[in-house]
C-alpha atoms as a PDB file:
ATOM      1  CA  UNK A   1     -45.005 -32.900 -26.346  1.00  0.00           C
ATOM      2  CA  UNK A   2     -44.962 -34.698 -29.669  1.00  0.00           C
ATOM      3  CA  UNK A   3     -47.989 -34.893 -31.950  1.00  0.00           C
ATOM      4  CA  UNK A   4     -46.690 -37.885 -33.916  1.00  0.00           C
ATOM      5  CA  UNK A   5     -46.996 -41.296 -32.275  1.00  0.00           C
ATOM      6  CA  UNK A   6     -47.925 -39.979 -28.805  1.00  0.00           C
ATOM      7  CA  UNK A   7     -47.022 -42.109 -25.818  1.00  0.00           C
ATOM      8  CA  UNK A   8     -49.614 -42.891 -23.162  1.00  0.00           C
ATOM      9  CA  UNK A   9     -49.298 -44.392 -19.706  1.00  0.00           C
ATOM     10  CA  UNK A  10     -51.986 -45.617 -17.355  1.00  0.00           C
ATOM     11  CA  UNK A  11     -51.693 -44.360 -13.791  1.00  0.00           C
ATOM     12  CA  UNK A  12     -53.612 -46.689 -11.496  1.00  0.00           C
ATOM     13  CA  UNK A  13     -54.370 -47.209  -7.832  1.00  0.00           C
ATOM     14  CA  UNK A  14     -56.821 -50.085  -7.548  1.00  0.00           C
ATOM     15  CA  UNK A  15     -58.515 -52.767  -9.671  1.00  0.00           C
ATOM     16  CA  UNK A  16     -57.657 -51.518 -13.146  1.00  0.00           C
ATOM     17  CA  UNK A  17     -60.878 -52.896 -14.645  1.00  0.00           C
ATOM     18  CA  UNK A  18     -61.171 -50.386 -17.492  1.00  0.00           C
ATOM     19  CA  UNK A  19     -57.471 -50.615 -18.241  1.00  0.00           C
ATOM     20  CA  UNK A  20     -57.711 -54.410 -18.299  1.00  0.00           C
ATOM     21  CA  UNK A  21     -60.593 -54.302 -20.768  1.00  0.00           C
ATOM     22  CA  UNK A  22     -59.161 -51.782 -23.205  1.00  0.00           C
ATOM     23  CA  UNK A  23     -55.708 -53.387 -23.269  1.00  0.00           C
ATOM     24  CA  UNK A  24     -57.357 -56.209 -25.190  1.00  0.00           C
ATOM     25  CA  UNK A  25     -57.523 -53.735 -28.102  1.00  0.00           C
ATOM     26  CA  UNK A  26     -54.308 -53.881 -30.179  1.00  0.00           C
ATOM     27  CA  UNK A  27     -54.505 -50.153 -30.989  1.00  0.00           C
ATOM     28  CA  UNK A  28     -54.500 -49.297 -27.270  1.00  0.00           C
ATOM     29  CA  UNK A  29     -51.621 -51.635 -26.484  1.00  0.00           C
ATOM     30  CA  UNK A  30     -49.649 -50.119 -29.360  1.00  0.00           C
ATOM     31  CA  UNK A  31     -49.673 -46.629 -27.833  1.00  0.00           C
ATOM     32  CA  UNK A  32     -49.366 -47.715 -24.182  1.00  0.00           C
ATOM     33  CA  UNK A  33     -45.799 -47.250 -23.013  1.00  0.00           C
ATOM     34  CA  UNK A  34     -46.360 -48.602 -19.518  1.00  0.00           C
ATOM     35  CA  UNK A  35     -48.462 -48.641 -16.370  1.00  0.00           C
ATOM     36  CA  UNK A  36     -47.539 -46.759 -13.192  1.00  0.00           C
ATOM     37  CA  UNK A  37     -49.171 -47.636  -9.862  1.00  0.00           C
ATOM     38  CA  UNK A  38     -48.939 -45.704  -6.622  1.00  0.00           C
ATOM     39  CA  UNK A  39     -49.208 -48.903  -4.590  1.00  0.00           C
ATOM     40  CA  UNK A  40     -49.301 -52.679  -5.114  1.00  0.00           C
ATOM     41  CA  UNK A  41     -52.791 -53.354  -6.459  1.00  0.00           C
ATOM     42  CA  UNK A  42     -54.697 -55.796  -8.713  1.00  0.00           C
ATOM     43  CA  UNK A  43     -54.133 -53.541 -11.728  1.00  0.00           C
ATOM     44  CA  UNK A  44     -50.426 -54.419 -11.657  1.00  0.00           C
ATOM     45  CA  UNK A  45     -50.907 -58.104 -12.479  1.00  0.00           C
ATOM     46  CA  UNK A  46     -53.592 -57.277 -15.046  1.00  0.00           C
ATOM     47  CA  UNK A  47     -51.161 -55.058 -16.934  1.00  0.00           C
ATOM     48  CA  UNK A  48     -48.382 -57.623 -16.777  1.00  0.00           C
ATOM     49  CA  UNK A  49     -50.512 -60.319 -18.390  1.00  0.00           C
ATOM     50  CA  UNK A  50     -50.480 -58.178 -21.546  1.00  0.00           C
ATOM     51  CA  UNK A  51     -46.725 -57.773 -21.359  1.00  0.00           C
ATOM     52  CA  UNK A  52     -47.039 -54.082 -20.498  1.00  0.00           C
ATOM     53  CA  UNK A  53     -44.171 -52.772 -18.326  1.00  0.00           C
ATOM     54  CA  UNK A  54     -45.248 -51.835 -14.806  1.00  0.00           C
ATOM     55  CA  UNK A  55     -43.606 -49.507 -12.292  1.00  0.00           C
ATOM     56  CA  UNK A  56     -44.834 -49.149  -8.705  1.00  0.00           C
ATOM     57  CA  UNK A  57     -43.991 -45.817  -7.076  1.00  0.00           C
ATOM     58  CA  UNK A  58     -45.105 -46.525  -3.525  1.00  0.00           C
ATOM     59  CA  UNK A  59     -44.064 -43.203  -2.024  1.00  0.00           C
ATOM     60  CA  UNK A  60     -46.576 -42.868   0.808  1.00  0.00           C
ATOM     61  CA  UNK A  61     -47.778 -39.366  -0.040  1.00  0.00           C
ATOM     62  CA  UNK A  62     -49.432 -37.669  -2.990  1.00  0.00           C
ATOM     63  CA  UNK A  63     -46.712 -35.033  -3.241  1.00  0.00           C
ATOM     64  CA  UNK A  64     -43.873 -37.562  -3.265  1.00  0.00           C
ATOM     65  CA  UNK A  65     -45.695 -39.753  -5.780  1.00  0.00           C
ATOM     66  CA  UNK A  66     -46.328 -36.753  -8.048  1.00  0.00           C
ATOM     67  CA  UNK A  67     -42.636 -35.837  -7.910  1.00  0.00           C
ATOM     68  CA  UNK A  68     -41.518 -39.356  -8.804  1.00  0.00           C
ATOM     69  CA  UNK A  69     -44.142 -39.570 -11.536  1.00  0.00           C
ATOM     70  CA  UNK A  70     -42.892 -36.292 -13.000  1.00  0.00           C
ATOM     71  CA  UNK A  71     -39.371 -37.733 -13.184  1.00  0.00           C
ATOM     72  CA  UNK A  72     -40.721 -40.900 -14.813  1.00  0.00           C
ATOM     73  CA  UNK A  73     -42.639 -38.938 -17.463  1.00  0.00           C
ATOM     74  CA  UNK A  74     -39.588 -36.864 -18.328  1.00  0.00           C
ATOM     75  CA  UNK A  75     -37.282 -39.860 -18.509  1.00  0.00           C
ATOM     76  CA  UNK A  76     -39.579 -41.832 -20.809  1.00  0.00           C
ATOM     77  CA  UNK A  77     -40.906 -38.876 -22.828  1.00  0.00           C
ATOM     78  CA  UNK A  78     -44.550 -39.604 -22.054  1.00  0.00           C
ATOM     79  CA  UNK A  79     -47.184 -37.423 -23.708  1.00  0.00           C
ATOM     80  CA  UNK A  80     -50.460 -38.316 -21.954  1.00  0.00           C
ATOM     81  CA  UNK A  81     -51.686 -39.937 -18.744  1.00  0.00           C
ATOM     82  CA  UNK A  82     -54.808 -42.117 -18.774  1.00  0.00           C
ATOM     83  CA  UNK A  83     -55.595 -41.572 -15.143  1.00  0.00           C
ATOM     84  CA  UNK A  84     -57.200 -43.959 -12.695  1.00  0.00           C
ATOM     85  CA  UNK A  85     -55.399 -42.504  -9.708  1.00  0.00           C
ATOM     86  CA  UNK A  86     -57.493 -42.208  -6.565  1.00  0.00           C
ATOM     87  CA  UNK A  87     -55.920 -38.972  -5.348  1.00  0.00           C
ATOM     88  CA  UNK A  88     -55.566 -35.518  -6.916  1.00  0.00           C
ATOM     89  CA  UNK A  89     -52.131 -34.904  -8.386  1.00  0.00           C
ATOM     90  CA  UNK A  90     -49.960 -32.256  -6.756  1.00  0.00           C
ATOM     91  CA  UNK A  91     -50.434 -28.739  -8.082  1.00  0.00           C
ATOM     92  CA  UNK A  92     -46.961 -28.549  -9.601  1.00  0.00           C
ATOM     93  CA  UNK A  93     -47.599 -31.652 -11.685  1.00  0.00           C
ATOM     94  CA  UNK A  94     -51.075 -30.518 -12.737  1.00  0.00           C
ATOM     95  CA  UNK A  95     -49.650 -27.218 -13.925  1.00  0.00           C
ATOM     96  CA  UNK A  96     -46.793 -28.841 -15.786  1.00  0.00           C
ATOM     97  CA  UNK A  97     -49.051 -31.406 -17.471  1.00  0.00           C
ATOM     98  CA  UNK A  98     -51.844 -29.058 -18.481  1.00  0.00           C
ATOM     99  CA  UNK A  99     -54.111 -30.733 -21.059  1.00  0.00           C
ATOM    100  CA  UNK A 100     -52.203 -33.998 -20.762  1.00  0.00           C
ATOM    101  CA  UNK A 101     -53.859 -35.793 -17.800  1.00  0.00           C
ATOM    102  CA  UNK A 102     -57.074 -37.489 -18.907  1.00  0.00           C
ATOM    103  CA  UNK A 103     -59.592 -38.365 -16.223  1.00  0.00           C
ATOM    104  CA  UNK A 104     -62.600 -40.686 -16.543  1.00  0.00           C
ATOM    105  CA  UNK A 105     -65.543 -39.847 -14.290  1.00  0.00           C
ATOM    106  CA  UNK A 106     -68.714 -41.964 -13.942  1.00  0.00           C
ATOM    107  CA  UNK A 107     -71.244 -39.140 -14.124  1.00  0.00           C
ATOM    108  CA  UNK A 108     -72.274 -36.306 -16.402  1.00  0.00           C
ATOM    109  CA  UNK A 109     -70.150 -33.553 -14.916  1.00  0.00           C
ATOM    110  CA  UNK A 110     -70.735 -31.070 -13.391  1.00  0.00           C
ATOM    111  CA  UNK A 111     -73.406 -33.290 -11.783  1.00  0.00           C
ATOM    112  CA  UNK A 112     -72.347 -35.776  -9.096  1.00  0.00           C
ATOM    113  CA  UNK A 113     -68.726 -34.909  -8.542  1.00  0.00           C
ATOM    114  CA  UNK A 114     -66.581 -36.798  -6.077  1.00  0.00           C
ATOM    115  CA  UNK A 115     -65.490 -40.306  -5.293  1.00  0.00           C
ATOM    116  CA  UNK A 116     -68.705 -42.122  -6.309  1.00  0.00           C
ATOM    117  CA  UNK A 117     -70.366 -40.233  -9.131  1.00  0.00           C
ATOM    118  CA  UNK A 118     -72.382 -43.228 -10.267  1.00  0.00           C
ATOM    119  CA  UNK A 119     -73.557 -44.191  -6.792  1.00  0.00           C
ATOM    120  CA  UNK A 120     -74.453 -40.615  -5.933  1.00  0.00           C
ATOM    121  CA  UNK A 121     -76.454 -40.289  -9.137  1.00  0.00           C
ATOM    122  CA  UNK A 122     -78.384 -43.487  -8.471  1.00  0.00           C
ATOM    123  CA  UNK A 123     -79.036 -42.487  -4.857  1.00  0.00           C
ATOM    124  CA  UNK A 124     -80.443 -39.170  -6.087  1.00  0.00           C
ATOM    125  CA  UNK A 125     -82.773 -41.086  -8.437  1.00  0.00           C
ATOM    126  CA  UNK A 126     -81.586 -39.137 -11.447  1.00  0.00           C
ATOM    127  CA  UNK A 127     -83.281 -40.203 -14.694  1.00  0.00           C
ATOM    128  CA  UNK A 128     -80.129 -39.947 -16.818  1.00  0.00           C
ATOM    129  CA  UNK A 129     -76.639 -41.016 -15.818  1.00  0.00           C
ATOM    130  CA  UNK A 130     -73.493 -41.099 -17.859  1.00  0.00           C
ATOM    131  CA  UNK A 131     -69.759 -40.526 -18.054  1.00  0.00           C
ATOM    132  CA  UNK A 132     -67.316 -37.704 -18.648  1.00  0.00           C
ATOM    133  CA  UNK A 133     -63.799 -37.686 -20.095  1.00  0.00           C
ATOM    134  CA  UNK A 134     -61.895 -34.561 -19.107  1.00  0.00           C
ATOM    135  CA  UNK A 135     -58.490 -32.980 -18.957  1.00  0.00           C
ATOM    136  CA  UNK A 136     -57.738 -32.376 -15.280  1.00  0.00           C
ATOM    137  CA  UNK A 137     -57.489 -28.743 -14.200  1.00  0.00           C
ATOM    138  CA  UNK A 138     -56.885 -27.095 -10.855  1.00  0.00           C
ATOM    139  CA  UNK A 139     -60.175 -28.139  -9.200  1.00  0.00           C
ATOM    140  CA  UNK A 140     -61.316 -31.714  -8.838  1.00  0.00           C
ATOM    141  CA  UNK A 141     -64.070 -32.683 -11.307  1.00  0.00           C
ATOM    142  CA  UNK A 142     -64.016 -29.267 -12.943  1.00  0.00           C
ATOM    143  CA  UNK A 143     -61.770 -30.096 -15.867  1.00  0.00           C
ATOM    144  CA  UNK A 144     -62.019 -29.427 -19.599  1.00  0.00           C
ATOM    145  CA  UNK A 145     -64.641 -31.788 -21.011  1.00  0.00           C
ATOM    146  CA  UNK A 146     -63.452 -33.839 -23.980  1.00  0.00           C
ATOM    147  CA  UNK A 147     -66.358 -36.249 -24.375  1.00  0.00           C
ATOM    148  CA  UNK A 148     -69.483 -37.369 -22.544  1.00  0.00           C
ATOM    149  CA  UNK A 149     -71.881 -40.283 -22.733  1.00  0.00           C
ATOM    150  CA  UNK A 150     -75.413 -40.625 -21.412  1.00  0.00           C
ATOM    151  CA  UNK A 151     -77.639 -43.476 -20.333  1.00  0.00           C
ATOM    152  CA  UNK A 152     -81.316 -43.525 -19.330  1.00  0.00           C
ATOM    153  CA  UNK A 153     -81.820 -45.085 -15.899  1.00  0.00           C
ATOM    154  CA  UNK A 154     -84.047 -48.102 -16.466  1.00  0.00           C
ATOM    155  CA  UNK A 155     -86.011 -48.882 -13.285  1.00  0.00           C
ATOM    156  CA  UNK A 156     -86.398 -52.456 -14.507  1.00  0.00           C
ATOM    157  CA  UNK A 157     -82.643 -53.073 -14.259  1.00  0.00           C
ATOM    158  CA  UNK A 158     -80.598 -53.732 -11.156  1.00  0.00           C
ATOM    159  CA  UNK A 159     -78.086 -51.187  -9.944  1.00  0.00           C
ATOM    160  CA  UNK A 160     -75.282 -53.543 -10.957  1.00  0.00           C
ATOM    161  CA  UNK A 161     -76.677 -53.800 -14.498  1.00  0.00           C
ATOM    162  CA  UNK A 162     -76.740 -50.006 -14.747  1.00  0.00           C
ATOM    163  CA  UNK A 163     -73.222 -49.887 -13.349  1.00  0.00           C
ATOM    164  CA  UNK A 164     -72.119 -52.273 -16.087  1.00  0.00           C
ATOM    165  CA  UNK A 165     -73.595 -49.990 -18.760  1.00  0.00           C
ATOM    166  CA  UNK A 166     -71.492 -47.144 -17.408  1.00  0.00           C
ATOM    167  CA  UNK A 167     -68.428 -49.393 -17.336  1.00  0.00           C
ATOM    168  CA  UNK A 168     -68.909 -50.231 -21.026  1.00  0.00           C
ATOM    169  CA  UNK A 169     -69.392 -46.550 -21.880  1.00  0.00           C
ATOM    170  CA  UNK A 170     -66.164 -45.642 -20.124  1.00  0.00           C
ATOM    171  CA  UNK A 171     -64.238 -48.304 -22.033  1.00  0.00           C
ATOM    172  CA  UNK A 172     -65.672 -47.048 -25.328  1.00  0.00           C
ATOM    173  CA  UNK A 173     -64.912 -43.397 -24.608  1.00  0.00           C
ATOM    174  CA  UNK A 174     -61.331 -44.180 -23.610  1.00  0.00           C
ATOM    175  CA  UNK A 175     -60.736 -46.033 -26.879  1.00  0.00           C
ATOM    176  CA  UNK A 176     -62.272 -43.191 -28.855  1.00  0.00           C
ATOM    177  CA  UNK A 177     -60.410 -40.356 -27.155  1.00  0.00           C
ATOM    178  CA  UNK A 178     -57.091 -42.141 -27.612  1.00  0.00           C
ATOM    179  CA  UNK A 179     -57.828 -42.469 -31.326  1.00  0.00           C
ATOM    180  CA  UNK A 180     -58.625 -38.766 -31.684  1.00  0.00           C
ATOM    181  CA  UNK A 181     -55.372 -37.854 -29.967  1.00  0.00           C
ATOM    182  CA  UNK A 182     -53.271 -40.245 -32.038  1.00  0.00           C
ATOM    183  CA  UNK A 183     -54.865 -38.782 -35.172  1.00  0.00           C
ATOM    184  CA  UNK A 184     -53.967 -35.278 -33.922  1.00  0.00           C
ATOM    185  CA  UNK A 185     -57.585 -34.149 -34.167  1.00  0.00           C
ATOM    186  CA  UNK A 186     -58.056 -32.773 -30.665  1.00  0.00           C
ATOM    187  CA  UNK A 187     -57.493 -29.067 -30.024  1.00  0.00           C
ATOM    188  CA  UNK A 188     -57.843 -26.963 -26.876  1.00  0.00           C
ATOM    189  CA  UNK A 189     -58.823 -23.302 -26.824  1.00  0.00           C
ATOM    190  CA  UNK A 190     -59.111 -22.133 -23.226  1.00  0.00           C
ATOM    191  CA  UNK A 191     -61.657 -24.425 -21.616  1.00  0.00           C
ATOM    192  CA  UNK A 192     -63.183 -25.503 -24.912  1.00  0.00           C
ATOM    193  CA  UNK A 193     -62.107 -28.714 -26.594  1.00  0.00           C
ATOM    194  CA  UNK A 194     -62.957 -29.459 -30.206  1.00  0.00           C
ATOM    195  CA  UNK A 195     -62.467 -32.593 -32.273  1.00  0.00           C
ATOM    196  CA  UNK A 196     -61.744 -31.892 -35.928  1.00  0.00           C
ATOM    197  CA  UNK A 197     -64.295 -33.625 -38.157  1.00  0.00           C
ATOM    198  CA  UNK A 198     -66.369 -34.976 -35.265  1.00  0.00           C
ATOM    199  CA  UNK A 199     -70.104 -35.544 -35.603  1.00  0.00           C
ATOM    200  CA  UNK A 200     -72.821 -34.982 -33.029  1.00  0.00           C
ATOM    201  CA  UNK A 201     -75.650 -37.251 -34.114  1.00  0.00           C
ATOM    202  CA  UNK A 202     -75.643 -39.800 -31.303  1.00  0.00           C
ATOM    203  CA  UNK A 203     -77.671 -39.210 -28.156  1.00  0.00           C
ATOM    204  CA  UNK A 204     -75.538 -41.666 -26.198  1.00  0.00           C
ATOM    205  CA  UNK A 205     -72.053 -40.410 -27.105  1.00  0.00           C
ATOM    206  CA  UNK A 206     -71.058 -36.811 -27.748  1.00  0.00           C
ATOM    207  CA  UNK A 207     -69.075 -36.433 -29.952  1.00  0.00           C
ATOM    208  CA  UNK A 208     -70.214 -39.593 -31.730  1.00  0.00           C
ATOM    209  CA  UNK A 209     -68.105 -42.731 -31.679  1.00  0.00           C
ATOM    210  CA  UNK A 210     -65.966 -43.331 -34.763  1.00  0.00           C
ATOM    211  CA  UNK A 211     -63.409 -45.949 -33.708  1.00  0.00           C
ATOM    212  CA  UNK A 212     -64.633 -49.352 -34.846  1.00  0.00           C
ATOM    213  CA  UNK A 213     -63.029 -50.965 -31.799  1.00  0.00           C
ATOM    214  CA  UNK A 214     -65.225 -48.772 -29.599  1.00  0.00           C
ATOM    215  CA  UNK A 215     -68.377 -49.178 -31.684  1.00  0.00           C
ATOM    216  CA  UNK A 216     -68.024 -52.967 -31.795  1.00  0.00           C
ATOM    217  CA  UNK A 217     -67.013 -53.421 -28.155  1.00  0.00           C
ATOM    218  CA  UNK A 218     -69.277 -55.834 -26.298  1.00  0.00           C
ATOM    219  CA  UNK A 219     -68.712 -56.917 -22.712  1.00  0.00           C
ATOM    220  CA  UNK A 220     -71.249 -59.543 -21.784  1.00  0.00           C
ATOM    221  CA  UNK A 221     -70.070 -60.324 -18.280  1.00  0.00           C
ATOM    222  CA  UNK A 222     -69.345 -57.456 -15.890  1.00  0.00           C
ATOM    223  CA  UNK A 223     -65.943 -57.859 -14.283  1.00  0.00           C
ATOM    224  CA  UNK A 224     -66.048 -57.162 -10.541  1.00  0.00           C
ATOM    225  CA  UNK A 225     -65.000 -53.556 -10.137  1.00  0.00           C
ATOM    226  CA  UNK A 226     -65.463 -50.533  -7.952  1.00  0.00           C
ATOM    227  CA  UNK A 227     -66.616 -47.155  -9.171  1.00  0.00           C
ATOM    228  CA  UNK A 228     -63.934 -44.782  -7.964  1.00  0.00           C
ATOM    229  CA  UNK A 229     -62.299 -41.915  -9.765  1.00  0.00           C
ATOM    230  CA  UNK A 230     -59.340 -39.697 -10.176  1.00  0.00           C
ATOM    231  CA  UNK A 231     -60.420 -39.244  -7.557  1.00  0.00           C
ATOM    232  CA  UNK A 232     -63.372 -40.445  -9.524  1.00  0.00           C
ATOM    233  CA  UNK A 233     -62.623 -42.862 -12.351  1.00  0.00           C
ATOM    234  CA  UNK A 234     -64.203 -46.281 -12.684  1.00  0.00           C
ATOM    235  CA  UNK A 235     -61.099 -48.344 -11.977  1.00  0.00           C
END
């Protein structure tokens, strides 16, 4: 895996709402090699409108898809996956791509694992919700935490308004984590991930946001989307 000019791909299964939003950022488009989908889905057309190459590997099973994806990654020398895949990659691929598959989960892991972290958190009437960016490991939703964000549940807001806050947080954290990786500032020691030079002075984002594109990001109108994951990412 190269440290200079790393190549990223999005792996998607459904709407591609986060991908669609962050591809508006030139810095994200610049490091995005392509988009791979496991089935025809709305994310495909969203990627194409940005001129991003798209490949659909409609293999019918998780194992077959993982095998084809492995071949694709090797052929194109891909460094990292930004994952919005609704299944759990086959064990052989997870092992081979250790610390290279980045998952985006709409809860503060280890709380509210599973397919609907946000919905489960709201149903439990938790007072704080949030997001987690992690490197996938061998157990679903028990990866190596790269970054988290938090959000107080405001009883005066609708569930959809709270959902939108989480959507914005996930877009911001994706932009930030990509920047840290492209700057070669992320290091992994066992299960602990550190970001060289990071600060921890923001109650909403830990580590704190640095990328101006993330800090300045405003999304006034929530795009219709569904909170699912890898198997839990907001797609």
